[in-house]
mmCIF file of all heavy atoms, coordinates in Angstrom:
data_MODEL
# 
_entry.id   MODEL 
# 
loop_
_atom_site.group_PDB 
_atom_site.id 
_atom_site.type_symbol 
_atom_site.label_atom_id 
_atom_site.label_alt_id 
_atom_site.label_comp_id 
_atom_site.label_asym_id 
_atom_site.label_entity_id 
_atom_site.label_seq_id 
_atom_site.pdbx_PDB_ins_code 
_atom_site.Cartn_x 
_atom_site.Cartn_y 
_atom_site.Cartn_z 
_atom_site.occupancy 
_atom_site.B_iso_or_equiv 
_atom_site.pdbx_formal_charge 
_atom_site.auth_seq_id 
_atom_site.auth_comp_id 
_atom_site.auth_asym_id 
_atom_site.auth_atom_id 
_atom_site.pdbx_PDB_model_num 
ATOM 1   N N   . VAL A 1 1  ? 3.471   8.336  3.455   1.00 0.00 ? 1  VAL A N   1 
ATOM 2   C CA  . VAL A 1 1  ? 3.213   8.675  2.068   1.00 0.00 ? 1  VAL A CA  1 
ATOM 3   C C   . VAL A 1 1  ? 1.823   8.238  1.643   1.00 0.00 ? 1  VAL A C   1 
ATOM 4   O O   . VAL A 1 1  ? 1.239   7.317  2.214   1.00 0.00 ? 1  VAL A O   1 
ATOM 5   C CB  . VAL A 1 1  ? 4.246   8.018  1.121   1.00 0.00 ? 1  VAL A CB  1 
ATOM 6   C CG1 . VAL A 1 1  ? 5.641   8.574  1.379   1.00 0.00 ? 1  VAL A CG1 1 
ATOM 7   C CG2 . VAL A 1 1  ? 4.241   6.503  1.297   1.00 0.00 ? 1  VAL A CG2 1 
ATOM 8   N N   . VAL A 1 2  ? 1.298   8.920  0.617   1.00 0.00 ? 2  VAL A N   1 
ATOM 9   C CA  . VAL A 1 2  ? 0.021   8.574  0.017   1.00 0.00 ? 2  VAL A CA  1 
ATOM 10  C C   . VAL A 1 2  ? 0.200   8.539  -1.487  1.00 0.00 ? 2  VAL A C   1 
ATOM 11  O O   . VAL A 1 2  ? 0.549   9.554  -2.095  1.00 0.00 ? 2  VAL A O   1 
ATOM 12  C CB  . VAL A 1 2  ? -1.081  9.579  0.389   1.00 0.00 ? 2  VAL A CB  1 
ATOM 13  C CG1 . VAL A 1 2  ? -2.389  9.206  -0.311  1.00 0.00 ? 2  VAL A CG1 1 
ATOM 14  C CG2 . VAL A 1 2  ? -1.293  9.624  1.893   1.00 0.00 ? 2  VAL A CG2 1 
ATOM 15  N N   . GLU A 1 3  ? -0.030  7.371  -2.086  1.00 0.00 ? 3  GLU A N   1 
ATOM 16  C CA  . GLU A 1 3  ? 0.105   7.202  -3.530  1.00 0.00 ? 3  GLU A CA  1 
ATOM 17  C C   . GLU A 1 3  ? -1.239  7.413  -4.219  1.00 0.00 ? 3  GLU A C   1 
ATOM 18  O O   . GLU A 1 3  ? -2.289  7.094  -3.662  1.00 0.00 ? 3  GLU A O   1 
ATOM 19  C CB  . GLU A 1 3  ? 0.622   5.799  -3.864  1.00 0.00 ? 3  GLU A CB  1 
ATOM 20  C CG  . GLU A 1 3  ? 1.985   5.460  -3.261  1.00 0.00 ? 3  GLU A CG  1 
ATOM 21  C CD  . GLU A 1 3  ? 1.891   4.741  -1.927  1.00 0.00 ? 3  GLU A CD  1 
ATOM 22  O OE1 . GLU A 1 3  ? 0.809   4.791  -1.286  1.00 0.00 ? 3  GLU A OE1 1 
ATOM 23  O OE2 . GLU A 1 3  ? 2.893   4.128  -1.511  1.00 0.00 ? 3  GLU A OE2 1 
ATOM 24  N N   . SER A 1 4  ? -1.198  7.915  -5.449  1.00 0.00 ? 4  SER A N   1 
ATOM 25  C CA  . SER A 1 4  ? -2.414  8.120  -6.219  1.00 0.00 ? 4  SER A CA  1 
ATOM 26  C C   . SER A 1 4  ? -2.086  8.142  -7.706  1.00 0.00 ? 4  SER A C   1 
ATOM 27  O O   . SER A 1 4  ? -0.926  8.180  -8.094  1.00 0.00 ? 4  SER A O   1 
ATOM 28  C CB  . SER A 1 4  ? -3.112  9.424  -5.818  1.00 0.00 ? 4  SER A CB  1 
ATOM 29  O OG  . SER A 1 4  ? -2.294  10.544 -6.111  1.00 0.00 ? 4  SER A OG  1 
ATOM 30  N N   . GLY A 1 5  ? -3.112  8.134  -8.537  1.00 0.00 ? 5  GLY A N   1 
ATOM 31  C CA  . GLY A 1 5  ? -2.935  8.258  -9.978  1.00 0.00 ? 5  GLY A CA  1 
ATOM 32  C C   . GLY A 1 5  ? -3.141  6.988  -10.770 1.00 0.00 ? 5  GLY A C   1 
ATOM 33  O O   . GLY A 1 5  ? -3.139  7.030  -12.006 1.00 0.00 ? 5  GLY A O   1 
ATOM 34  N N   . GLY A 1 6  ? -3.313  5.863  -10.106 1.00 0.00 ? 6  GLY A N   1 
ATOM 35  C CA  . GLY A 1 6  ? -3.519  4.611  -10.811 1.00 0.00 ? 6  GLY A CA  1 
ATOM 36  C C   . GLY A 1 6  ? -4.924  4.517  -11.387 1.00 0.00 ? 6  GLY A C   1 
ATOM 37  O O   . GLY A 1 6  ? -5.779  5.353  -11.142 1.00 0.00 ? 6  GLY A O   1 
ATOM 38  N N   . GLY A 1 7  ? -5.145  3.468  -12.166 1.00 0.00 ? 7  GLY A N   1 
ATOM 39  C CA  . GLY A 1 7  ? -6.446  3.263  -12.766 1.00 0.00 ? 7  GLY A CA  1 
ATOM 40  C C   . GLY A 1 7  ? -6.403  2.184  -13.820 1.00 0.00 ? 7  GLY A C   1 
ATOM 41  O O   . GLY A 1 7  ? -5.391  1.500  -13.988 1.00 0.00 ? 7  GLY A O   1 
ATOM 42  N N   . LEU A 1 8  ? -7.518  2.038  -14.530 1.00 0.00 ? 8  LEU A N   1 
ATOM 43  C CA  . LEU A 1 8  ? -7.623  1.063  -15.606 1.00 0.00 ? 8  LEU A CA  1 
ATOM 44  C C   . LEU A 1 8  ? -7.156  1.707  -16.904 1.00 0.00 ? 8  LEU A C   1 
ATOM 45  O O   . LEU A 1 8  ? -7.704  2.733  -17.322 1.00 0.00 ? 8  LEU A O   1 
ATOM 46  C CB  . LEU A 1 8  ? -9.062  0.573  -15.743 1.00 0.00 ? 8  LEU A CB  1 
ATOM 47  C CG  . LEU A 1 8  ? -9.359  -0.421 -16.866 1.00 0.00 ? 8  LEU A CG  1 
ATOM 48  C CD1 . LEU A 1 8  ? -8.554  -1.697 -16.660 1.00 0.00 ? 8  LEU A CD1 1 
ATOM 49  C CD2 . LEU A 1 8  ? -10.849 -0.719 -16.904 1.00 0.00 ? 8  LEU A CD2 1 
ATOM 50  N N   . MET A 1 9  ? -6.157  1.106  -17.538 1.00 0.00 ? 9  MET A N   1 
ATOM 51  C CA  . MET A 1 9  ? -5.569  1.661  -18.743 1.00 0.00 ? 9  MET A CA  1 
ATOM 52  C C   . MET A 1 9  ? -5.514  0.619  -19.854 1.00 0.00 ? 9  MET A C   1 
ATOM 53  O O   . MET A 1 9  ? -5.472  -0.582 -19.595 1.00 0.00 ? 9  MET A O   1 
ATOM 54  C CB  . MET A 1 9  ? -4.153  2.160  -18.470 1.00 0.00 ? 9  MET A CB  1 
ATOM 55  C CG  . MET A 1 9  ? -4.054  3.229  -17.394 1.00 0.00 ? 9  MET A CG  1 
ATOM 56  S SD  . MET A 1 9  ? -4.776  4.797  -17.932 1.00 0.00 ? 9  MET A SD  1 
ATOM 57  C CE  . MET A 1 9  ? -3.633  5.254  -19.233 1.00 0.00 ? 9  MET A CE  1 
ATOM 58  N N   . GLN A 1 10 ? -5.477  1.102  -21.091 1.00 0.00 ? 10 GLN A N   1 
ATOM 59  C CA  . GLN A 1 10 ? -5.287  0.222  -22.244 1.00 0.00 ? 10 GLN A CA  1 
ATOM 60  C C   . GLN A 1 10 ? -3.811  0.135  -22.599 1.00 0.00 ? 10 GLN A C   1 
ATOM 61  O O   . GLN A 1 10 ? -3.051  1.072  -22.346 1.00 0.00 ? 10 GLN A O   1 
ATOM 62  C CB  . GLN A 1 10 ? -6.074  0.742  -23.446 1.00 0.00 ? 10 GLN A CB  1 
ATOM 63  C CG  . GLN A 1 10 ? -7.578  0.665  -23.282 1.00 0.00 ? 10 GLN A CG  1 
ATOM 64  C CD  . GLN A 1 10 ? -8.313  1.035  -24.549 1.00 0.00 ? 10 GLN A CD  1 
ATOM 65  O OE1 . GLN A 1 10 ? -7.816  1.804  -25.360 1.00 0.00 ? 10 GLN A OE1 1 
ATOM 66  N NE2 . GLN A 1 10 ? -9.502  0.483  -24.713 1.00 0.00 ? 10 GLN A NE2 1 
ATOM 67  N N   . PRO A 1 11 ? -3.382  -0.986 -23.167 1.00 0.00 ? 11 PRO A N   1 
ATOM 68  C CA  . PRO A 1 11 ? -1.980  -1.094 -23.591 1.00 0.00 ? 11 PRO A CA  1 
ATOM 69  C C   . PRO A 1 11 ? -1.604  0.048  -24.524 1.00 0.00 ? 11 PRO A C   1 
ATOM 70  O O   . PRO A 1 11 ? -2.404  0.464  -25.363 1.00 0.00 ? 11 PRO A O   1 
ATOM 71  C CB  . PRO A 1 11 ? -1.938  -2.435 -24.308 1.00 0.00 ? 11 PRO A CB  1 
ATOM 72  C CG  . PRO A 1 11 ? -3.035  -3.226 -23.671 1.00 0.00 ? 11 PRO A CG  1 
ATOM 73  C CD  . PRO A 1 11 ? -4.130  -2.227 -23.415 1.00 0.00 ? 11 PRO A CD  1 
ATOM 74  N N   . GLY A 1 12 ? -0.385  0.559  -24.368 1.00 0.00 ? 12 GLY A N   1 
ATOM 75  C CA  . GLY A 1 12 ? 0.096   1.655  -25.189 1.00 0.00 ? 12 GLY A CA  1 
ATOM 76  C C   . GLY A 1 12 ? -0.125  3.028  -24.594 1.00 0.00 ? 12 GLY A C   1 
ATOM 77  O O   . GLY A 1 12 ? 0.460   4.007  -25.073 1.00 0.00 ? 12 GLY A O   1 
ATOM 78  N N   . GLY A 1 13 ? -0.929  3.125  -23.570 1.00 0.00 ? 13 GLY A N   1 
ATOM 79  C CA  . GLY A 1 13 ? -1.195  4.399  -22.932 1.00 0.00 ? 13 GLY A CA  1 
ATOM 80  C C   . GLY A 1 13 ? -0.088  4.814  -21.985 1.00 0.00 ? 13 GLY A C   1 
ATOM 81  O O   . GLY A 1 13 ? 0.877   4.086  -21.770 1.00 0.00 ? 13 GLY A O   1 
ATOM 82  N N   . SER A 1 14 ? -0.229  6.011  -21.422 1.00 0.00 ? 14 SER A N   1 
ATOM 83  C CA  . SER A 1 14 ? 0.741   6.541  -20.466 1.00 0.00 ? 14 SER A CA  1 
ATOM 84  C C   . SER A 1 14 ? 0.024   6.961  -19.194 1.00 0.00 ? 14 SER A C   1 
ATOM 85  O O   . SER A 1 14 ? -1.145  7.336  -19.220 1.00 0.00 ? 14 SER A O   1 
ATOM 86  C CB  . SER A 1 14 ? 1.493   7.737  -21.055 1.00 0.00 ? 14 SER A CB  1 
ATOM 87  O OG  . SER A 1 14 ? 2.259   7.359  -22.178 1.00 0.00 ? 14 SER A OG  1 
ATOM 88  N N   . LEU A 1 15 ? 0.749   6.915  -18.095 1.00 0.00 ? 15 LEU A N   1 
ATOM 89  C CA  . LEU A 1 15 ? 0.174   7.217  -16.796 1.00 0.00 ? 15 LEU A CA  1 
ATOM 90  C C   . LEU A 1 15 ? 1.216   7.902  -15.923 1.00 0.00 ? 15 LEU A C   1 
ATOM 91  O O   . LEU A 1 15 ? 2.407   7.590  -16.016 1.00 0.00 ? 15 LEU A O   1 
ATOM 92  C CB  . LEU A 1 15 ? -0.285  5.919  -16.135 1.00 0.00 ? 15 LEU A CB  1 
ATOM 93  C CG  . LEU A 1 15 ? -1.249  5.964  -14.957 1.00 0.00 ? 15 LEU A CG  1 
ATOM 94  C CD1 . LEU A 1 15 ? -2.566  6.610  -15.367 1.00 0.00 ? 15 LEU A CD1 1 
ATOM 95  C CD2 . LEU A 1 15 ? -1.496  4.546  -14.457 1.00 0.00 ? 15 LEU A CD2 1 
ATOM 96  N N   . ARG A 1 16 ? 0.774   8.840  -15.100 1.00 0.00 ? 16 ARG A N   1 
ATOM 97  C CA  . ARG A 1 16 ? 1.665   9.488  -14.154 1.00 0.00 ? 16 ARG A CA  1 
ATOM 98  C C   . ARG A 1 16 ? 1.136   9.287  -12.744 1.00 0.00 ? 16 ARG A C   1 
ATOM 99  O O   . ARG A 1 16 ? 0.045   9.740  -12.405 1.00 0.00 ? 16 ARG A O   1 
ATOM 100 C CB  . ARG A 1 16 ? 1.803   10.981 -14.435 1.00 0.00 ? 16 ARG A CB  1 
ATOM 101 C CG  . ARG A 1 16 ? 2.907   11.641 -13.613 1.00 0.00 ? 16 ARG A CG  1 
ATOM 102 C CD  . ARG A 1 16 ? 3.082   13.105 -13.963 1.00 0.00 ? 16 ARG A CD  1 
ATOM 103 N NE  . ARG A 1 16 ? 4.479   13.483 -13.929 1.00 0.00 ? 16 ARG A NE  1 
ATOM 104 C CZ  . ARG A 1 16 ? 4.927   14.733 -13.963 1.00 0.00 ? 16 ARG A CZ  1 
ATOM 105 N NH1 . ARG A 1 16 ? 4.073   15.737 -14.064 1.00 0.00 ? 16 ARG A NH1 1 
ATOM 106 N NH2 . ARG A 1 16 ? 6.227   14.975 -13.934 1.00 0.00 ? 16 ARG A NH2 1 
ATOM 107 N N   . LEU A 1 17 ? 1.917   8.602  -11.931 1.00 0.00 ? 17 LEU A N   1 
ATOM 108 C CA  . LEU A 1 17 ? 1.566   8.346  -10.554 1.00 0.00 ? 17 LEU A CA  1 
ATOM 109 C C   . LEU A 1 17 ? 2.178   9.403  -9.648  1.00 0.00 ? 17 LEU A C   1 
ATOM 110 O O   . LEU A 1 17 ? 3.240   9.942  -9.946  1.00 0.00 ? 17 LEU A O   1 
ATOM 111 C CB  . LEU A 1 17 ? 2.061   6.963  -10.119 1.00 0.00 ? 17 LEU A CB  1 
ATOM 112 C CG  . LEU A 1 17 ? 1.666   5.785  -11.018 1.00 0.00 ? 17 LEU A CG  1 
ATOM 113 C CD1 . LEU A 1 17 ? 2.220   4.492  -10.448 1.00 0.00 ? 17 LEU A CD1 1 
ATOM 114 C CD2 . LEU A 1 17 ? 0.159   5.713  -11.178 1.00 0.00 ? 17 LEU A CD2 1 
ATOM 115 N N   . SER A 1 18 ? 1.513   9.682  -8.534  1.00 0.00 ? 18 SER A N   1 
ATOM 116 C CA  . SER A 1 18 ? 2.001   10.663 -7.575  1.00 0.00 ? 18 SER A CA  1 
ATOM 117 C C   . SER A 1 18 ? 2.137   10.041 -6.198  1.00 0.00 ? 18 SER A C   1 
ATOM 118 O O   . SER A 1 18 ? 1.412   9.110  -5.849  1.00 0.00 ? 18 SER A O   1 
ATOM 119 C CB  . SER A 1 18 ? 1.056   11.862 -7.486  1.00 0.00 ? 18 SER A CB  1 
ATOM 120 O OG  . SER A 1 18 ? 0.978   12.545 -8.717  1.00 0.00 ? 18 SER A OG  1 
ATOM 121 N N   . CYS A 1 19 ? 3.055   10.567 -5.425  1.00 0.00 ? 19 CYS A N   1 
ATOM 122 C CA  . CYS A 1 19 ? 3.294   10.128 -4.056  1.00 0.00 ? 19 CYS A CA  1 
ATOM 123 C C   . CYS A 1 19 ? 3.529   11.373 -3.226  1.00 0.00 ? 19 CYS A C   1 
ATOM 124 O O   . CYS A 1 19 ? 4.513   12.085 -3.441  1.00 0.00 ? 19 CYS A O   1 
ATOM 125 C CB  . CYS A 1 19 ? 4.504   9.190  -4.020  1.00 0.00 ? 19 CYS A CB  1 
ATOM 126 S SG  . CYS A 1 19 ? 5.205   8.890  -2.392  1.00 0.00 ? 19 CYS A SG  1 
ATOM 127 N N   . VAL A 1 20 ? 2.628   11.648 -2.292  1.00 0.00 ? 20 VAL A N   1 
ATOM 128 C CA  . VAL A 1 20 ? 2.727   12.844 -1.467  1.00 0.00 ? 20 VAL A CA  1 
ATOM 129 C C   . VAL A 1 20 ? 3.155   12.474 -0.049  1.00 0.00 ? 20 VAL A C   1 
ATOM 130 O O   . VAL A 1 20 ? 2.563   11.595 0.570   1.00 0.00 ? 20 VAL A O   1 
ATOM 131 C CB  . VAL A 1 20 ? 1.385   13.605 -1.419  1.00 0.00 ? 20 VAL A CB  1 
ATOM 132 C CG1 . VAL A 1 20 ? 1.509   14.829 -0.521  1.00 0.00 ? 20 VAL A CG1 1 
ATOM 133 C CG2 . VAL A 1 20 ? 0.969   14.018 -2.823  1.00 0.00 ? 20 VAL A CG2 1 
ATOM 134 N N   . ALA A 1 21 ? 4.171   13.154 0.436   1.00 0.00 ? 21 ALA A N   1 
ATOM 135 C CA  . ALA A 1 21 ? 4.653   12.965 1.796   1.00 0.00 ? 21 ALA A CA  1 
ATOM 136 C C   . ALA A 1 21 ? 4.358   14.219 2.603   1.00 0.00 ? 21 ALA A C   1 
ATOM 137 O O   . ALA A 1 21 ? 4.647   15.329 2.152   1.00 0.00 ? 21 ALA A O   1 
ATOM 138 C CB  . ALA A 1 21 ? 6.149   12.669 1.808   1.00 0.00 ? 21 ALA A CB  1 
ATOM 139 N N   . SER A 1 22 ? 3.796   14.057 3.783   1.00 0.00 ? 22 SER A N   1 
ATOM 140 C CA  . SER A 1 22 ? 3.425   15.211 4.588   1.00 0.00 ? 22 SER A CA  1 
ATOM 141 C C   . SER A 1 22 ? 4.597   15.797 5.373   1.00 0.00 ? 22 SER A C   1 
ATOM 142 O O   . SER A 1 22 ? 4.533   16.937 5.803   1.00 0.00 ? 22 SER A O   1 
ATOM 143 C CB  . SER A 1 22 ? 2.306   14.840 5.562   1.00 0.00 ? 22 SER A CB  1 
ATOM 144 O OG  . SER A 1 22 ? 2.709   13.798 6.438   1.00 0.00 ? 22 SER A OG  1 
ATOM 145 N N   . GLU A 1 23 ? 5.651   15.029 5.526   1.00 0.00 ? 23 GLU A N   1 
ATOM 146 C CA  . GLU A 1 23 ? 6.795   15.465 6.310   1.00 0.00 ? 23 GLU A CA  1 
ATOM 147 C C   . GLU A 1 23 ? 7.522   16.632 5.646   1.00 0.00 ? 23 GLU A C   1 
ATOM 148 O O   . GLU A 1 23 ? 7.800   16.609 4.450   1.00 0.00 ? 23 GLU A O   1 
ATOM 149 C CB  . GLU A 1 23 ? 7.782   14.315 6.528   1.00 0.00 ? 23 GLU A CB  1 
ATOM 150 C CG  . GLU A 1 23 ? 7.268   13.199 7.424   1.00 0.00 ? 23 GLU A CG  1 
ATOM 151 C CD  . GLU A 1 23 ? 6.371   12.225 6.698   1.00 0.00 ? 23 GLU A CD  1 
ATOM 152 O OE1 . GLU A 1 23 ? 6.235   12.331 5.459   1.00 0.00 ? 23 GLU A OE1 1 
ATOM 153 O OE2 . GLU A 1 23 ? 5.792   11.352 7.369   1.00 0.00 ? 23 GLU A OE2 1 
ATOM 154 N N   . SER A 1 24 ? 7.879   17.624 6.463   1.00 0.00 ? 24 SER A N   1 
ATOM 155 C CA  . SER A 1 24 ? 8.577   18.790 5.943   1.00 0.00 ? 24 SER A CA  1 
ATOM 156 C C   . SER A 1 24 ? 10.020  18.485 5.556   1.00 0.00 ? 24 SER A C   1 
ATOM 157 O O   . SER A 1 24 ? 10.655  19.272 4.862   1.00 0.00 ? 24 SER A O   1 
ATOM 158 C CB  . SER A 1 24 ? 8.539   19.927 6.968   1.00 0.00 ? 24 SER A CB  1 
ATOM 159 O OG  . SER A 1 24 ? 9.181   19.549 8.176   1.00 0.00 ? 24 SER A OG  1 
ATOM 160 N N   . THR A 1 25 ? 10.539  17.337 5.998   1.00 0.00 ? 25 THR A N   1 
ATOM 161 C CA  . THR A 1 25 ? 11.899  16.926 5.683   1.00 0.00 ? 25 THR A CA  1 
ATOM 162 C C   . THR A 1 25 ? 11.981  16.058 4.432   1.00 0.00 ? 25 THR A C   1 
ATOM 163 O O   . THR A 1 25 ? 12.993  15.408 4.194   1.00 0.00 ? 25 THR A O   1 
ATOM 164 C CB  . THR A 1 25 ? 12.527  16.165 6.863   1.00 0.00 ? 25 THR A CB  1 
ATOM 165 O OG1 . THR A 1 25 ? 11.695  15.056 7.220   1.00 0.00 ? 25 THR A OG1 1 
ATOM 166 C CG2 . THR A 1 25 ? 12.687  17.075 8.069   1.00 0.00 ? 25 THR A CG2 1 
ATOM 167 N N   . PHE A 1 26 ? 10.939  16.047 3.624   1.00 0.00 ? 26 PHE A N   1 
ATOM 168 C CA  . PHE A 1 26 ? 10.893  15.253 2.397   1.00 0.00 ? 26 PHE A CA  1 
ATOM 169 C C   . PHE A 1 26 ? 12.137  15.461 1.543   1.00 0.00 ? 26 PHE A C   1 
ATOM 170 O O   . PHE A 1 26 ? 12.688  14.507 0.983   1.00 0.00 ? 26 PHE A O   1 
ATOM 171 C CB  . PHE A 1 26 ? 9.637   15.620 1.602   1.00 0.00 ? 26 PHE A CB  1 
ATOM 172 C CG  . PHE A 1 26 ? 9.553   14.985 0.236   1.00 0.00 ? 26 PHE A CG  1 
ATOM 173 C CD1 . PHE A 1 26 ? 9.183   13.663 0.097   1.00 0.00 ? 26 PHE A CD1 1 
ATOM 174 C CD2 . PHE A 1 26 ? 9.842   15.733 -0.899  1.00 0.00 ? 26 PHE A CD2 1 
ATOM 175 C CE1 . PHE A 1 26 ? 9.089   13.080 -1.155  1.00 0.00 ? 26 PHE A CE1 1 
ATOM 176 C CE2 . PHE A 1 26 ? 9.750   15.165 -2.157  1.00 0.00 ? 26 PHE A CE2 1 
ATOM 177 C CZ  . PHE A 1 26 ? 9.376   13.836 -2.289  1.00 0.00 ? 26 PHE A CZ  1 
ATOM 178 N N   . SER A 1 27 ? 12.598  16.694 1.452   1.00 0.00 ? 27 SER A N   1 
ATOM 179 C CA  . SER A 1 27 ? 13.735  17.015 0.603   1.00 0.00 ? 27 SER A CA  1 
ATOM 180 C C   . SER A 1 27 ? 15.055  16.438 1.108   1.00 0.00 ? 27 SER A C   1 
ATOM 181 O O   . SER A 1 27 ? 16.057  16.491 0.391   1.00 0.00 ? 27 SER A O   1 
ATOM 182 C CB  . SER A 1 27 ? 13.869  18.532 0.437   1.00 0.00 ? 27 SER A CB  1 
ATOM 183 O OG  . SER A 1 27 ? 14.092  19.159 1.691   1.00 0.00 ? 27 SER A OG  1 
# 
């Protein structure tokens, strides 16, 4: 897996992180 989407945020904000898996059997 490869995670992404993080960063520097201020309190009260919203963030969406992603995790991509290359395997075709992910499901």
